[in-house]
Amino acid sequence: METKTIIIAGGGISGMVAAITLASAGHRVDVHEKNPGIGMRFAGDFQGVENWTQDQDVLTELSIKQIDLNFDYTPFSKLTVSDGAVSRDVFFKRPAFYVVRRGNGANTLDQSLYHQAVSKGVKFFFNSHIDPTKADIVATGPLPGHIIGIVRGMVFKTGLTDMAIGVCNNTAAWKGYGYLLVTNGMACLCTMVLEPHKQDLQKSFNHTKSIIESITGSLTMDGGQRVGGVGSYRIAPIFQDGPQRYVGEASGLQDIIWGFGIRTAVTSGWLSAQSIITGTSYQERAQEQFLSNHHASLVGRFFWENIGLRYSSFFINRVSNAKDPLNLMKKYYSEHFLTRPLYKIAKGFLKRRYPIY
């Protein structure tokens, strides 16, 4: 008997991981992408894949999920953090994150996943605005109406050695953060702000640049490529609505503290595919996998919103002085006896501030 073709709406990370997983199990898969190609949301900007929410290294996890590591990635076991006045170096016993490049260029994460999917027989339909209710898996990216953060930045060539710098300063990034990521002679300098209507993005970017230049020296960005993006979040993620399985940011999953959402996107795409392959409940598996970290990150954001830079300074001090900074970061992203009673308070507060219902 002919098997049903699985329809996926969206060709982002979560959608392509789902497609690869399904095709590897012998399913026919069609991916409908609204853009004219894969990775068109991005322009070569660098992003981090976090390595602290799970004990297992994320690269090992990808390999177990049968995702080939044929994309460029750089491990970082050192992070310099600054509040605009004081800078500190944080050293980790293993990589805290891996920097990857996004977009439609060679060796980007997006193009790697695309070629892996095509090699397994997945069919892609570009410029295709499929109705999500016609799809089996919805991976359409950030949710309109739930956008809480916006990123502006530049990618440019540099003579700097590989480094990662993070900035927590409300003038540079209103309730967000700025960063510089350098790998293999290329740099990505960005600022991420929440409530962007309250701050001039260009002024924020310029202030981020000036703080980072106080650490690195002058940065020349002639001929650089402008990059940017948005992030969305839901307090109560939607994992399943009838037969549709929602993955990645389309479900409302995102790290509301730092915006590290790639690992979650991969895992949600893989779990949705596994639920089809095995006939198990995606809703149950996704809730078990994600809700603890999701709730903990909401509580972390609540503290940041109410204590401001004192919270980020406290966090930086604890991490930089910890014997095992990565393990401490894992605790911040884990639900425990302190976060559970605070979750309801945090949820009510942030529902009033942001469109994250």
Protein backbone atom coordinates (compact mmCIF):
# COMPACT_ATOMS: atom_id res chain seq x y z
CA MET A 1 0.00 0.00 0.00
CA GLU A 2 1.32 3.45 -0.92
CA THR A 3 2.38 5.46 2.11
CA LYS A 4 1.10 8.97 2.75
CA THR A 5 3.41 11.86 1.89
CA ILE A 6 4.27 13.88 5.00
CA ILE A 7 3.77 17.62 4.46
CA ILE A 8 5.98 20.09 6.32
CA ALA A 9 5.25 23.83 6.30
CA GLY A 10 8.52 25.70 6.64
CA GLY A 11 12.11 24.97 5.70
CA GLY A 12 13.89 26.25 8.78
CA ILE A 13 16.03 24.15 11.10
CA SER A 14 13.19 22.33 12.86
CA GLY A 15 11.37 21.60 9.60
CA MET A 16 14.45 20.25 7.86
CA VAL A 17 15.50 18.09 10.83
CA ALA A 18 11.99 16.61 10.82
CA ALA A 19 12.25 16.01 7.06
CA ILE A 20 15.66 14.31 7.34
CA THR A 21 14.46 12.09 10.18
CA LEU A 22 11.29 11.05 8.36
CA ALA A 23 13.05 10.43 5.05
CA SER A 24 15.71 8.34 6.82
CA ALA A 25 12.88 6.13 8.09
CA GLY A 26 11.52 5.64 4.57
CA HIS A 27 8.76 8.27 4.50
CA ARG A 28 8.06 10.49 1.52
CA VAL A 29 8.36 14.12 2.58
CA ASP A 30 7.40 17.42 0.92
CA VAL A 31 8.66 20.69 2.44
CA HIS A 32 6.85 23.90 1.50
CA GLU A 33 8.97 27.01 2.05
CA LYS A 34 7.53 30.51 1.57
CA ASN A 35 10.90 32.01 0.56
CA PRO A 36 12.65 31.41 -2.78
CA GLY A 37 15.36 29.35 -1.08
CA ILE A 38 16.60 27.89 2.19
CA GLY A 39 18.15 30.20 4.78
CA MET A 40 16.79 33.39 3.25
CA ARG A 41 15.86 34.82 6.68
CA PHE A 42 19.55 35.25 7.38
CA ALA A 43 22.52 36.86 5.66
CA GLY A 44 25.50 34.93 6.94
CA ASP A 45 25.19 36.00 10.57
CA PHE A 46 26.66 33.88 13.35
CA GLN A 47 24.54 32.21 16.01
CA GLY A 48 25.36 30.04 18.99
CA VAL A 49 24.17 26.50 19.63
CA GLU A 50 24.05 26.18 23.42
CA ASN A 51 25.74 23.28 25.15
CA TRP A 52 24.55 23.60 28.75
CA THR A 53 20.90 22.56 29.07
CA GLN A 54 21.80 18.88 28.60
CA ASP A 55 24.69 16.78 29.91
CA GLN A 56 25.35 15.37 26.47
CA ASP A 57 27.43 17.47 24.10
CA VAL A 58 25.18 18.94 21.42
CA LEU A 59 27.38 17.66 18.57
CA THR A 60 27.08 14.13 19.93
CA GLU A 61 23.33 14.65 20.14
CA LEU A 62 23.19 15.73 16.51
CA SER A 63 25.18 12.69 15.43
CA ILE A 64 22.86 10.36 17.36
CA LYS A 65 19.93 12.02 15.59
CA GLN A 66 21.69 11.17 12.29
CA ILE A 67 22.44 14.79 11.42
CA ASP A 68 25.73 15.07 9.55
CA LEU A 69 28.14 17.67 10.93
CA ASN A 70 29.11 18.90 7.46
CA PHE A 71 28.68 22.58 8.31
CA ASP A 72 31.14 25.05 9.77
CA TYR A 73 31.14 25.23 13.55
CA THR A 74 33.54 26.66 16.11
CA PRO A 75 33.57 25.61 19.78
CA PHE A 76 33.92 28.31 22.44
CA SER A 77 35.14 27.48 25.93
CA LYS A 78 35.81 31.11 26.84
CA LEU A 79 33.38 34.02 26.95
CA THR A 80 34.22 37.63 27.80
CA VAL A 81 31.30 39.47 29.41
CA SER A 82 30.94 43.19 30.03
CA ASP A 83 28.38 45.54 31.55
CA GLY A 84 29.97 48.50 29.80
CA ALA A 85 32.25 49.33 32.73
CA VAL A 86 33.80 46.05 33.85
CA SER A 87 34.78 43.04 31.73
CA ARG A 88 35.33 39.49 32.92
CA ASP A 89 36.50 36.29 31.26
CA VAL A 90 34.52 33.11 31.91
CA PHE A 91 36.27 29.79 31.21
CA PHE A 92 34.40 26.53 30.71
CA LYS A 93 35.64 22.95 31.05
CA ARG A 94 34.04 22.05 27.72
CA PRO A 95 32.52 24.18 24.96
CA ALA A 96 29.71 26.34 26.31
CA PHE A 97 28.38 26.82 22.78
CA TYR A 98 29.25 26.25 19.15
CA VAL A 99 29.09 29.13 16.70
CA VAL A 100 27.49 28.34 13.35
CA ARG A 101 26.72 30.48 10.36
CA ARG A 102 23.17 30.98 9.10
CA GLY A 103 21.87 31.77 5.63
CA ASN A 104 22.01 30.40 2.11
CA GLY A 105 25.79 30.47 1.68
CA ALA A 106 28.20 27.54 1.54
CA ASN A 107 28.80 25.61 4.78
CA THR A 108 25.96 27.32 6.65
CA LEU A 109 23.82 25.23 8.97
CA ASP A 110 20.78 25.90 6.79
CA GLN A 111 22.38 24.77 3.53
CA SER A 112 23.91 21.71 5.19
CA LEU A 113 20.51 20.53 6.41
CA TYR A 114 18.97 21.28 3.02
CA HIS A 115 21.51 19.15 1.13
CA GLN A 116 21.15 16.34 3.66
CA ALA A 117 17.39 16.38 3.17
CA VAL A 118 17.63 16.44 -0.63
CA SER A 119 20.10 13.54 -0.58
CA LYS A 120 17.47 11.47 1.25
CA GLY A 121 14.77 12.23 -1.30
CA VAL A 122 12.94 15.11 0.39
CA LYS A 123 11.17 17.36 -2.11
CA PHE A 124 11.21 21.13 -1.61
CA PHE A 125 8.64 23.57 -2.98
CA PHE A 126 9.80 27.18 -2.80
CA ASN A 127 7.66 30.32 -2.84
CA SER A 128 4.96 28.04 -1.48
CA HIS A 129 2.61 29.58 1.08
CA ILE A 130 0.85 26.41 2.21
CA ASP A 131 -1.99 26.64 4.70
CA PRO A 132 -0.59 25.28 7.99
CA THR A 133 -3.81 23.32 8.53
CA LYS A 134 -2.86 21.27 5.44
CA ALA A 135 0.50 20.30 6.94
CA ASP A 136 1.49 17.45 9.23
CA ILE A 137 4.32 19.48 10.78
CA VAL A 138 4.24 23.28 11.12
CA ALA A 139 7.71 24.84 11.18
CA THR A 140 6.96 28.33 9.96
CA GLY A 141 9.26 30.25 12.33
CA PRO A 142 8.56 33.26 14.59
CA LEU A 143 4.93 33.84 15.44
CA PRO A 144 3.40 37.08 14.13
CA GLY A 145 1.91 38.95 17.06
CA HIS A 146 4.31 37.30 19.51
CA ILE A 147 7.50 39.12 18.52
CA ILE A 148 9.34 40.33 21.62
CA GLY A 149 12.89 40.90 20.40
CA ILE A 150 14.71 42.25 17.39
CA VAL A 151 18.36 41.91 16.32
CA ARG A 152 20.42 44.36 14.28
CA GLY A 153 24.03 43.80 13.32
CA MET A 154 26.84 43.46 10.80
CA VAL A 155 28.99 40.63 9.48
CA PHE A 156 32.45 41.69 8.29
CA LYS A 157 36.00 40.52 7.71
CA THR A 158 38.45 41.01 10.56
CA GLY A 159 42.00 40.35 11.62
CA LEU A 160 40.90 39.46 15.15
CA THR A 161 41.49 35.97 16.50
CA ASP A 162 38.49 33.79 17.39
CA MET A 163 36.61 35.25 20.35
CA ALA A 164 33.18 35.67 21.91
CA ILE A 165 32.14 38.81 23.81
CA GLY A 166 28.77 39.46 25.41
CA VAL A 167 27.47 42.86 26.59
CA CYS A 168 24.69 43.48 29.10
CA ASN A 169 23.95 47.22 29.12
CA ASN A 170 20.55 48.84 28.67
CA THR A 171 21.89 51.67 26.52
CA ALA A 172 23.53 49.17 24.20
CA ALA A 173 20.64 46.72 24.28
CA TRP A 174 17.40 47.50 26.09
CA LYS A 175 16.73 44.48 28.35
CA GLY A 176 18.68 42.39 25.86
CA TYR A 177 22.35 42.00 25.04
CA GLY A 178 25.00 42.78 22.49
CA TYR A 179 27.69 40.44 21.24
CA LEU A 180 30.72 39.97 19.04
CA LEU A 181 31.48 36.54 17.62
CA VAL A 182 34.69 36.05 15.66
CA THR A 183 35.62 32.85 13.85
CA ASN A 184 38.02 32.14 10.98
CA GLY A 185 38.59 35.76 10.02
CA MET A 186 34.91 36.77 10.03
CA ALA A 187 33.08 38.71 12.72
CA CYS A 188 29.43 39.20 13.62
CA LEU A 189 28.57 42.22 15.79
CA CYS A 190 24.95 42.50 16.89
CA THR A 191 22.61 44.02 19.42
CA MET A 192 19.36 42.37 20.52
CA VAL A 193 16.73 44.53 22.17
CA LEU A 194 13.35 43.83 23.71
CA GLU A 195 10.53 46.31 23.28
CA PRO A 196 12.32 47.85 20.26
CA HIS A 197 9.89 50.78 20.12
CA LYS A 198 11.58 52.16 23.26
CA GLN A 199 15.03 52.49 21.73
CA ASP A 200 16.73 53.62 18.53
CA LEU A 201 18.24 50.42 17.13
CA GLN A 202 21.09 52.16 15.34
CA LYS A 203 22.09 54.05 18.49
CA SER A 204 21.94 50.77 20.42
CA PHE A 205 24.16 49.09 17.86
CA ASN A 206 26.64 51.97 17.95
CA HIS A 207 26.82 51.82 21.74
CA THR A 208 27.34 48.06 21.66
CA LYS A 209 30.16 48.61 19.17
CA SER A 210 31.83 51.22 21.38
CA ILE A 211 31.75 48.94 24.44
CA ILE A 212 33.22 46.03 22.48
CA GLU A 213 35.87 48.31 20.96
CA SER A 214 36.98 49.19 24.49
CA ILE A 215 37.90 45.48 24.78
CA THR A 216 39.15 44.66 21.28
CA GLY A 217 40.32 47.98 19.87
CA SER A 218 38.84 49.68 16.81
CA LEU A 219 36.57 47.59 14.57
CA THR A 220 36.53 48.29 10.83
CA MET A 221 33.34 47.14 9.14
CA ASP A 222 33.87 48.49 5.62
CA GLY A 223 32.17 46.25 3.09
CA GLY A 224 30.27 44.38 5.80
CA GLN A 225 26.85 42.81 5.38
CA ARG A 226 23.94 44.06 7.45
CA VAL A 227 22.10 41.29 9.32
CA GLY A 228 19.13 41.08 11.64
CA GLY A 229 16.08 39.15 12.69
CA VAL A 230 13.27 38.78 15.19
CA GLY A 231 12.37 36.36 17.97
CA SER A 232 9.01 35.23 19.32
CA TYR A 233 7.90 33.37 22.43
CA ARG A 234 4.80 31.87 24.03
CA ILE A 235 4.26 31.23 27.72
CA ALA A 236 2.25 28.13 26.81
CA PRO A 237 3.78 26.55 23.69
CA ILE A 238 1.46 24.88 21.18
CA PHE A 239 2.81 21.43 20.40
CA GLN A 240 -0.21 19.89 18.72
CA ASP A 241 -3.50 21.19 17.37
CA GLY A 242 -5.48 18.34 15.91
CA PRO A 243 -3.21 16.47 13.47
CA GLN A 244 -0.75 19.39 13.16
CA ARG A 245 2.50 19.18 15.12
CA TYR A 246 4.14 22.55 15.86
CA VAL A 247 7.92 22.79 16.15
CA GLY A 248 10.58 25.42 16.78
CA GLU A 249 9.42 29.00 17.11
CA ALA A 250 6.16 28.12 15.38
CA SER A 251 5.25 26.35 18.62
CA GLY A 252 6.37 29.31 20.73
CA LEU A 253 9.57 27.62 21.93
CA GLN A 254 12.47 29.98 22.51
CA ASP A 255 15.01 30.85 25.20
CA ILE A 256 13.57 34.11 26.52
CA ILE A 257 16.75 34.93 28.47
CA TRP A 258 19.47 34.73 25.82
CA GLY A 259 17.71 33.58 22.65
CA PHE A 260 19.57 30.28 22.24
CA GLY A 261 16.89 28.41 20.28
CA ILE A 262 18.75 26.25 17.75
CA ARG A 263 19.12 23.18 19.95
CA THR A 264 15.44 23.34 20.86
CA ALA A 265 14.50 23.69 17.19
CA VAL A 266 16.52 20.58 16.30
CA THR A 267 15.03 18.53 19.13
CA SER A 268 11.44 19.57 18.47
CA GLY A 269 11.78 18.75 14.77
CA TRP A 270 13.26 15.36 15.60
CA LEU A 271 10.59 14.56 18.21
CA SER A 272 7.76 15.48 15.84
CA ALA A 273 9.19 13.13 13.20
CA GLN A 274 9.68 10.35 15.74
CA SER A 275 6.06 10.66 16.84
CA ILE A 276 4.97 9.99 13.24
CA ILE A 277 7.44 7.13 12.77
CA THR A 278 6.53 5.39 16.02
CA GLY A 279 2.89 6.41 16.33
CA THR A 280 3.49 8.00 19.74
CA SER A 281 2.21 11.28 21.18
CA TYR A 282 4.26 14.30 20.17
CA GLN A 283 2.35 16.42 22.70
CA GLU A 284 3.43 14.25 25.63
CA ARG A 285 7.05 13.90 24.53
CA ALA A 286 7.42 17.61 23.81
CA GLN A 287 5.95 18.64 27.16
CA GLU A 288 8.30 16.28 28.97
CA GLN A 289 11.30 17.51 26.97
CA PHE A 290 10.78 21.27 26.96
CA LEU A 291 8.49 22.65 29.64
CA SER A 292 10.97 22.56 32.54
CA ASN A 293 13.58 24.64 30.70
CA HIS A 294 10.85 26.81 29.18
CA HIS A 295 9.44 27.72 32.60
CA ALA A 296 12.89 28.30 34.12
CA SER A 297 13.88 30.70 31.35
CA LEU A 298 10.66 32.65 31.94
CA VAL A 299 11.57 33.05 35.63
CA GLY A 300 15.07 34.18 34.62
CA ARG A 301 13.58 36.81 32.33
CA PHE A 302 11.26 37.96 35.14
CA PHE A 303 14.26 38.63 37.39
CA TRP A 304 16.09 40.43 34.61
CA GLU A 305 13.07 42.64 33.92
CA ASN A 306 12.65 43.59 37.59
CA ILE A 307 16.21 43.75 38.88
CA GLY A 308 17.80 44.86 35.64
CA LEU A 309 21.57 44.91 35.33
CA ARG A 310 21.94 43.90 38.97
CA TYR A 311 20.58 40.48 37.95
CA SER A 312 22.90 40.10 34.97
CA SER A 313 25.84 41.33 37.11
CA PHE A 314 24.92 38.80 39.80
CA PHE A 315 24.68 36.07 37.17
CA ILE A 316 28.02 37.07 35.60
CA ASN A 317 29.76 37.12 38.99
CA ARG A 318 28.43 33.70 39.92
CA VAL A 319 29.30 32.12 36.59
CA SER A 320 32.79 33.64 36.39
CA ASN A 321 33.61 32.46 39.94
CA ALA A 322 32.03 29.02 39.71
CA LYS A 323 34.17 25.88 39.71
CA ASP A 324 31.98 24.49 36.92
CA PRO A 325 30.29 27.43 35.14
CA LEU A 326 28.51 25.19 32.63
CA ASN A 327 26.85 23.16 35.37
CA LEU A 328 25.73 26.38 37.05
CA MET A 329 24.20 27.61 33.80
CA LYS A 330 22.33 24.32 33.49
CA LYS A 331 20.81 24.93 36.92
CA TYR A 332 19.58 28.36 35.82
CA TYR A 333 17.74 26.63 32.96
CA SER A 334 16.27 23.85 35.10
CA GLU A 335 12.97 24.00 36.96
CA HIS A 336 13.41 23.39 40.70
CA PHE A 337 11.78 24.17 44.03
CA LEU A 338 12.61 27.89 43.76
CA THR A 339 11.39 28.43 40.19
CA ARG A 340 8.08 26.57 40.56
CA PRO A 341 6.38 29.04 42.94
CA LEU A 342 7.83 31.98 41.02
CA TYR A 343 6.59 30.75 37.66
CA LYS A 344 2.99 31.90 38.16
CA ILE A 345 4.16 35.34 39.30
CA ALA A 346 6.60 35.61 36.37
CA LYS A 347 3.95 34.46 33.92
CA GLY A 348 1.44 37.09 35.03
CA PHE A 349 4.01 39.87 34.98
CA LEU A 350 5.38 39.05 31.52
CA LYS A 351 1.94 38.51 30.00
CA ARG A 352 1.20 42.13 30.85
CA ARG A 353 4.47 43.35 29.34
CA TYR A 354 4.83 41.30 26.16
CA PRO A 355 2.58 39.52 23.62
CA ILE A 356 3.61 36.08 24.90
CA TYR A 357 0.24 34.69 26.02
